[in-house]
């Protein structure tokens, strides 16, 4: 309806037809004397009379507001702007804004993790000559973004935060498992514990006894499959059998614990690839030329909330006037 919204203005004829009233008026002319004039019947004339004009105005405005709300009208009011992704370093962002010459532009903190998805929903709000600068850790989209404005992207990959995760190892071969986790390098550290209680990120259960009910973890590595009956009908991928249980997802393999560095590396890579969500690739810095044929997203514009408030106010006024006219 965004392109044919003006057809809805024809609904304005409805309240006009409702509020018109035809009345007869006798038209008389004053004469000095009627002695020498022939007899003539009084002339009657039908004229239009408008009743309840305030109610008519309120209903017309209500119809206009409804048409505007359905058409989702958006007035291009934004000028040059800087879109800053969440988690962007403020010092680095100010330096990039000064280099681009957009320090006087409006700064918009993008609430979502994808600035281009947010821009597609609000692309109609910018004027045709507006310039856009996107800063931060911008994820690489599957296709080149299309916009009716020139967009410059200056990205910076976010540094991995140092974290520590608890790993519970219950095994007679605990020394081999500890050697593997101690060799792992990077911002993510693993604290190996042998106490089978509490919560952990990973549990290595390599004994025939069943684990306690108080021990919970998203992922279990079963060195001895007899303690996990769920593995009898387990599926297999990359040489690892896996199944879901009430305690969490269970992995099992006959090649555990890893016998060497290569086997440990393959297990660690499978763990990071299959268990954790992939880390988005950072989009390289570039300038995107405007595309005149870019189709804006059919989402709510900036006037949607304001039009909703206007609709509620006009509806309340119309009901009050209609109730007063009946009394």
Protein backbone atom coordinates (compact mmCIF):
# COMPACT_ATOMS: atom_id res chain seq x y z
CA UNK A 1 0.00 0.00 0.00
CA UNK A 2 3.03 2.30 0.18
CA UNK A 3 2.75 3.29 -3.47
CA UNK A 4 -1.06 3.45 -3.79
CA UNK A 5 -1.82 4.99 -0.40
CA UNK A 6 -3.50 8.00 -2.01
CA UNK A 7 -6.38 5.78 -3.15
CA UNK A 8 -7.46 5.53 0.46
CA UNK A 9 -8.20 9.25 0.55
CA UNK A 10 -11.45 8.49 -1.27
CA UNK A 11 -12.78 7.30 2.08
CA UNK A 12 -13.05 10.94 3.10
CA UNK A 13 -16.30 11.09 1.11
CA UNK A 14 -18.00 8.80 3.65
CA UNK A 15 -18.20 11.22 6.60
CA UNK A 16 -19.05 14.04 4.20
CA UNK A 17 -22.07 12.08 2.97
CA UNK A 18 -23.05 11.19 6.52
CA UNK A 19 -23.01 14.76 7.78
CA UNK A 20 -24.86 16.48 4.97
CA UNK A 21 -28.56 17.29 5.37
CA UNK A 22 -30.98 18.60 2.76
CA UNK A 23 -33.38 21.24 3.98
CA UNK A 24 -36.09 23.19 2.18
CA UNK A 25 -36.11 26.94 2.44
CA UNK A 26 -38.88 29.21 1.16
CA UNK A 27 -37.45 31.99 -0.89
CA UNK A 28 -39.44 35.22 -0.52
CA UNK A 29 -38.79 38.66 -1.96
CA UNK A 30 -40.02 41.83 -0.32
CA UNK A 31 -42.01 44.10 -2.67
CA UNK A 32 -43.33 47.60 -2.21
CA UNK A 33 -46.82 46.58 -3.28
CA UNK A 34 -48.37 43.52 -4.83
CA UNK A 35 -51.53 45.20 -6.10
CA UNK A 36 -50.61 45.19 -9.80
CA UNK A 37 -48.64 41.92 -9.87
CA UNK A 38 -50.08 38.53 -10.83
CA UNK A 39 -50.40 35.88 -8.20
CA UNK A 40 -47.36 33.63 -7.83
CA UNK A 41 -46.65 30.62 -5.61
CA UNK A 42 -43.78 30.83 -3.12
CA UNK A 43 -40.50 29.47 -4.47
CA UNK A 44 -38.87 26.64 -2.53
CA UNK A 45 -35.13 25.98 -2.74
CA UNK A 46 -33.22 22.97 -1.42
CA UNK A 47 -29.86 23.85 0.12
CA UNK A 48 -27.14 21.78 1.82
CA UNK A 49 -26.71 22.17 5.55
CA UNK A 50 -23.67 20.81 7.40
CA UNK A 51 -24.43 19.40 10.82
CA UNK A 52 -21.93 18.70 13.64
CA UNK A 53 -18.96 20.23 11.92
CA UNK A 54 -16.49 19.43 14.70
CA UNK A 55 -17.47 15.75 14.56
CA UNK A 56 -17.12 15.82 10.77
CA UNK A 57 -13.62 17.30 11.07
CA UNK A 58 -12.60 14.72 13.68
CA UNK A 59 -13.78 11.82 11.51
CA UNK A 60 -12.00 13.16 8.43
CA UNK A 61 -8.75 13.53 10.37
CA UNK A 62 -9.21 10.03 11.77
CA UNK A 63 -9.52 8.57 8.26
CA UNK A 64 -6.42 10.48 7.10
CA UNK A 65 -4.46 9.15 10.09
CA UNK A 66 -5.59 5.57 9.41
CA UNK A 67 -4.52 5.82 5.75
CA UNK A 68 -1.13 7.25 6.77
CA UNK A 69 -0.68 4.50 9.38
CA UNK A 70 -1.49 1.73 6.88
CA UNK A 71 0.71 3.27 4.19
CA UNK A 72 3.57 3.55 6.70
CA UNK A 73 4.57 6.96 5.42
CA UNK A 74 8.14 7.99 6.10
CA UNK A 75 9.40 11.52 5.67
CA UNK A 76 13.13 11.71 4.83
CA UNK A 77 14.38 13.79 7.74
CA UNK A 78 17.80 12.37 8.62
CA UNK A 79 20.98 14.01 7.33
CA UNK A 80 24.54 12.67 7.49
CA UNK A 81 24.81 9.99 10.17
CA UNK A 82 27.30 7.65 11.79
CA UNK A 83 26.08 4.15 12.68
CA UNK A 84 28.08 2.73 15.58
CA UNK A 85 27.81 -0.98 16.29
CA UNK A 86 27.47 -2.21 19.85
CA UNK A 87 30.75 -2.73 21.69
CA UNK A 88 32.77 -0.32 19.54
CA UNK A 89 35.70 1.46 21.18
CA UNK A 90 34.65 5.10 21.65
CA UNK A 91 38.17 6.51 21.22
CA UNK A 92 38.70 4.64 17.96
CA UNK A 93 35.22 5.65 16.76
CA UNK A 94 35.83 9.37 17.38
CA UNK A 95 39.12 9.18 15.50
CA UNK A 96 37.46 7.55 12.50
CA UNK A 97 34.63 10.11 12.51
CA UNK A 98 37.09 13.00 12.45
CA UNK A 99 39.03 11.42 9.59
CA UNK A 100 35.82 11.01 7.58
CA UNK A 101 34.81 14.63 8.20
CA UNK A 102 31.49 13.65 9.78
CA UNK A 103 32.01 14.97 13.30
CA UNK A 104 28.93 17.22 12.97
CA UNK A 105 26.77 14.31 11.79
CA UNK A 106 24.31 12.56 14.06
CA UNK A 107 25.58 9.51 15.92
CA UNK A 108 23.28 6.50 16.01
CA UNK A 109 24.02 3.58 18.34
CA UNK A 110 22.75 0.53 16.47
CA UNK A 111 20.91 -1.68 18.98
CA UNK A 112 21.26 -4.89 16.97
CA UNK A 113 24.42 -6.76 16.08
CA UNK A 114 23.94 -6.23 12.32
CA UNK A 115 24.10 -2.53 11.33
CA UNK A 116 23.10 -3.25 7.72
CA UNK A 117 19.92 -5.05 8.79
CA UNK A 118 19.02 -2.02 10.90
CA UNK A 119 19.88 0.31 8.01
CA UNK A 120 17.62 -1.64 5.62
CA UNK A 121 14.68 -1.08 7.96
CA UNK A 122 15.34 2.68 8.27
CA UNK A 123 16.81 3.48 4.85
CA UNK A 124 13.81 5.60 3.83
CA UNK A 125 14.39 8.02 6.71
CA UNK A 126 17.56 9.51 5.17
CA UNK A 127 17.60 12.28 2.63
CA UNK A 128 18.90 11.48 -0.86
CA UNK A 129 22.15 13.43 -0.36
CA UNK A 130 22.91 11.97 3.08
CA UNK A 131 26.22 10.22 3.77
CA UNK A 132 26.46 7.23 6.08
CA UNK A 133 29.44 5.91 8.01
CA UNK A 134 29.31 2.48 9.66
CA UNK A 135 31.81 1.80 12.45
CA UNK A 136 32.62 -1.20 14.62
CA UNK A 137 32.77 -4.95 14.37
CA UNK A 138 30.47 -5.31 11.35
CA UNK A 139 29.64 -8.94 10.48
CA UNK A 140 30.25 -9.93 6.87
CA UNK A 141 26.88 -10.28 5.06
CA UNK A 142 26.24 -13.02 2.53
CA UNK A 143 25.64 -10.42 -0.21
CA UNK A 144 26.83 -6.88 -0.72
CA UNK A 145 24.37 -4.54 1.03
CA UNK A 146 22.24 -2.34 -1.22
CA UNK A 147 21.27 1.16 -0.20
CA UNK A 148 20.09 4.32 -1.89
CA UNK A 149 22.83 6.25 -0.09
CA UNK A 150 26.60 6.11 -0.12
CA UNK A 151 27.79 3.98 2.79
CA UNK A 152 31.38 3.90 4.04
CA UNK A 153 32.35 0.98 6.26
CA UNK A 154 35.26 1.20 8.68
CA UNK A 155 35.39 -2.02 10.62
CA UNK A 156 37.50 -3.21 13.49
CA UNK A 157 37.43 -6.77 14.74
CA UNK A 158 36.68 -7.09 18.42
CA UNK A 159 39.39 -8.53 20.61
CA UNK A 160 38.59 -11.85 22.23
CA UNK A 161 37.89 -11.40 25.91
CA UNK A 162 39.84 -13.56 28.32
CA UNK A 163 37.53 -16.10 29.94
CA UNK A 164 37.97 -19.05 32.26
CA UNK A 165 35.80 -22.13 32.02
CA UNK A 166 35.54 -24.99 34.47
CA UNK A 167 36.23 -28.49 33.18
CA UNK A 168 35.57 -31.52 35.38
CA UNK A 169 37.75 -34.57 34.69
CA UNK A 170 36.78 -37.82 36.40
CA UNK A 171 39.08 -40.50 35.00
CA UNK A 172 41.79 -42.95 35.89
CA UNK A 173 43.74 -41.36 33.03
CA UNK A 174 43.28 -37.82 34.33
CA UNK A 175 46.93 -36.93 33.70
CA UNK A 176 46.51 -37.37 29.92
CA UNK A 177 43.39 -35.22 29.90
CA UNK A 178 45.06 -32.52 32.00
CA UNK A 179 47.98 -32.44 29.59
CA UNK A 180 45.63 -31.74 26.71
CA UNK A 181 43.86 -28.83 28.42
CA UNK A 182 47.13 -27.38 29.69
CA UNK A 183 48.48 -27.25 26.13
CA UNK A 184 45.55 -25.18 24.86
CA UNK A 185 46.54 -21.58 24.25
CA UNK A 186 44.41 -18.50 23.64
CA UNK A 187 42.13 -16.07 25.46
CA UNK A 188 39.91 -18.90 26.70
CA UNK A 189 41.43 -20.68 29.68
CA UNK A 190 40.26 -23.96 31.17
CA UNK A 191 40.32 -24.71 34.87
CA UNK A 192 40.51 -28.47 35.32
CA UNK A 193 38.82 -29.81 38.44
CA UNK A 194 38.27 -33.35 39.67
CA UNK A 195 35.35 -32.63 42.03
CA UNK A 196 32.21 -34.20 40.49
CA UNK A 197 29.74 -31.56 41.63
CA UNK A 198 28.44 -28.12 40.69
CA UNK A 199 28.21 -26.73 37.17
CA UNK A 200 30.86 -26.99 34.48
CA UNK A 201 31.32 -26.15 30.82
CA UNK A 202 32.61 -29.66 30.04
CA UNK A 203 32.68 -32.93 31.94
CA UNK A 204 35.10 -35.70 30.99
CA UNK A 205 33.62 -38.88 32.48
CA UNK A 206 35.99 -41.79 31.98
CA UNK A 207 34.86 -44.24 34.68
CA UNK A 208 32.21 -46.99 34.58
CA UNK A 209 30.23 -45.53 37.51
CA UNK A 210 27.20 -43.37 36.71
CA UNK A 211 27.72 -39.63 37.25
CA UNK A 212 25.89 -37.94 40.16
CA UNK A 213 22.63 -36.16 39.46
CA UNK A 214 23.98 -32.88 40.85
CA UNK A 215 26.64 -32.60 38.15
CA UNK A 216 25.44 -30.62 35.14
CA UNK A 217 27.18 -29.53 31.96
CA UNK A 218 26.20 -28.64 28.38
CA UNK A 219 28.68 -31.21 27.02
CA UNK A 220 29.98 -34.55 28.27
CA UNK A 221 32.90 -36.59 26.94
CA UNK A 222 32.36 -40.23 27.77
CA UNK A 223 35.50 -42.32 27.94
CA UNK A 224 33.53 -45.30 29.24
CA UNK A 225 30.22 -45.72 27.40
CA UNK A 226 28.75 -48.12 29.96
CA UNK A 227 27.70 -45.21 32.19
CA UNK A 228 25.65 -43.58 29.40
CA UNK A 229 22.91 -45.86 28.01
CA UNK A 230 21.92 -43.09 25.56
CA UNK A 231 24.99 -43.91 23.46
CA UNK A 232 23.60 -47.30 22.37
CA UNK A 233 21.62 -45.59 19.59
CA UNK A 234 23.96 -42.67 19.06
CA UNK A 235 24.56 -40.98 15.72
CA UNK A 236 28.06 -40.42 14.39
CA UNK A 237 29.87 -37.44 12.84
CA UNK A 238 33.61 -36.90 12.28
CA UNK A 239 34.40 -40.11 14.15
CA UNK A 240 32.47 -38.99 17.24
CA UNK A 241 29.28 -40.62 18.49
CA UNK A 242 26.83 -38.20 20.07
CA UNK A 243 23.48 -38.36 21.83
CA UNK A 244 21.32 -36.11 23.98
CA UNK A 245 20.55 -36.96 27.59
CA UNK A 246 18.95 -35.33 30.60
CA UNK A 247 22.41 -34.23 31.77
CA UNK A 248 23.39 -32.66 28.44
CA UNK A 249 24.86 -33.70 25.11
CA UNK A 250 27.19 -36.71 25.30
CA UNK A 251 30.15 -37.38 23.00
CA UNK A 252 32.07 -40.64 22.83
CA UNK A 253 35.01 -42.01 20.87
CA UNK A 254 37.25 -45.05 21.07
CA UNK A 255 40.31 -42.86 20.41
CA UNK A 256 40.10 -41.01 23.73
CA UNK A 257 42.07 -39.68 25.44
CA UNK A 258 44.09 -38.24 22.53
CA UNK A 259 47.37 -40.03 22.05
CA UNK A 260 49.32 -37.11 20.54
CA UNK A 261 49.27 -33.44 19.59
CA UNK A 262 47.54 -34.05 16.25
CA UNK A 263 44.72 -36.05 17.82
CA UNK A 264 44.33 -33.44 20.56
CA UNK A 265 44.17 -30.66 17.97
CA UNK A 266 41.49 -32.50 15.96
CA UNK A 267 39.41 -33.06 19.09
CA UNK A 268 39.72 -29.42 20.12
CA UNK A 269 38.77 -28.18 16.63
CA UNK A 270 35.75 -30.50 16.54
CA UNK A 271 34.75 -29.24 19.96
CA UNK A 272 34.91 -25.58 18.91
CA UNK A 273 33.25 -26.16 15.52
CA UNK A 274 30.40 -28.45 16.51
CA UNK A 275 29.50 -27.28 20.00
CA UNK A 276 29.86 -23.50 19.86
CA UNK A 277 28.19 -21.03 17.53
CA UNK A 278 30.48 -19.80 14.74
CA UNK A 279 32.10 -16.41 15.21
CA UNK A 280 31.00 -14.01 12.42
CA UNK A 281 33.70 -12.87 10.03
CA UNK A 282 34.39 -9.14 10.24
CA UNK A 283 33.54 -7.23 7.08
CA UNK A 284 36.57 -5.47 5.57
CA UNK A 285 36.57 -1.68 5.38
CA UNK A 286 35.18 -0.44 2.09
CA UNK A 287 32.95 2.14 0.43
CA UNK A 288 29.60 1.01 -0.98
CA UNK A 289 28.21 3.01 -3.89
CA UNK A 290 24.53 3.97 -3.81
CA UNK A 291 22.03 1.89 -5.76
CA UNK A 292 19.00 3.73 -7.08
CA UNK A 293 17.03 0.51 -7.55
CA UNK A 294 17.51 -0.64 -3.96
CA UNK A 295 14.20 -1.69 -2.43
CA UNK A 296 13.75 -0.54 1.17
CA UNK A 297 12.58 -2.99 3.76
CA UNK A 298 8.84 -2.99 4.41
CA UNK A 299 9.13 -2.31 8.12
CA UNK A 300 7.77 0.32 10.42
CA UNK A 301 9.19 3.76 9.87
CA UNK A 302 9.98 6.46 12.39
CA UNK A 303 6.45 7.93 12.16
CA UNK A 304 4.73 4.66 13.04
CA UNK A 305 4.77 5.25 16.78
CA UNK A 306 3.73 8.91 16.41
CA UNK A 307 0.86 8.00 14.08
CA UNK A 308 -0.33 5.39 16.57
CA UNK A 309 -0.55 8.03 19.30
CA UNK A 310 -2.39 10.40 16.94
CA UNK A 311 -4.84 7.64 16.04
CA UNK A 312 -5.62 6.94 19.68
CA UNK A 313 -6.13 10.64 20.40
CA UNK A 314 -8.39 11.22 17.39
CA UNK A 315 -10.42 8.13 18.17
CA UNK A 316 -11.00 9.35 21.73
CA UNK A 317 -12.03 12.82 20.50
CA UNK A 318 -14.37 11.33 17.88
CA UNK A 319 -16.09 9.13 20.46
CA UNK A 320 -16.53 12.05 22.86
CA UNK A 321 -18.04 14.28 20.16
CA UNK A 322 -20.30 11.48 18.90
CA UNK A 323 -21.58 10.84 22.42
CA UNK A 324 -22.18 14.56 23.01
CA UNK A 325 -24.11 14.92 19.73
CA UNK A 326 -26.61 12.25 20.77
CA UNK A 327 -27.53 14.06 23.97
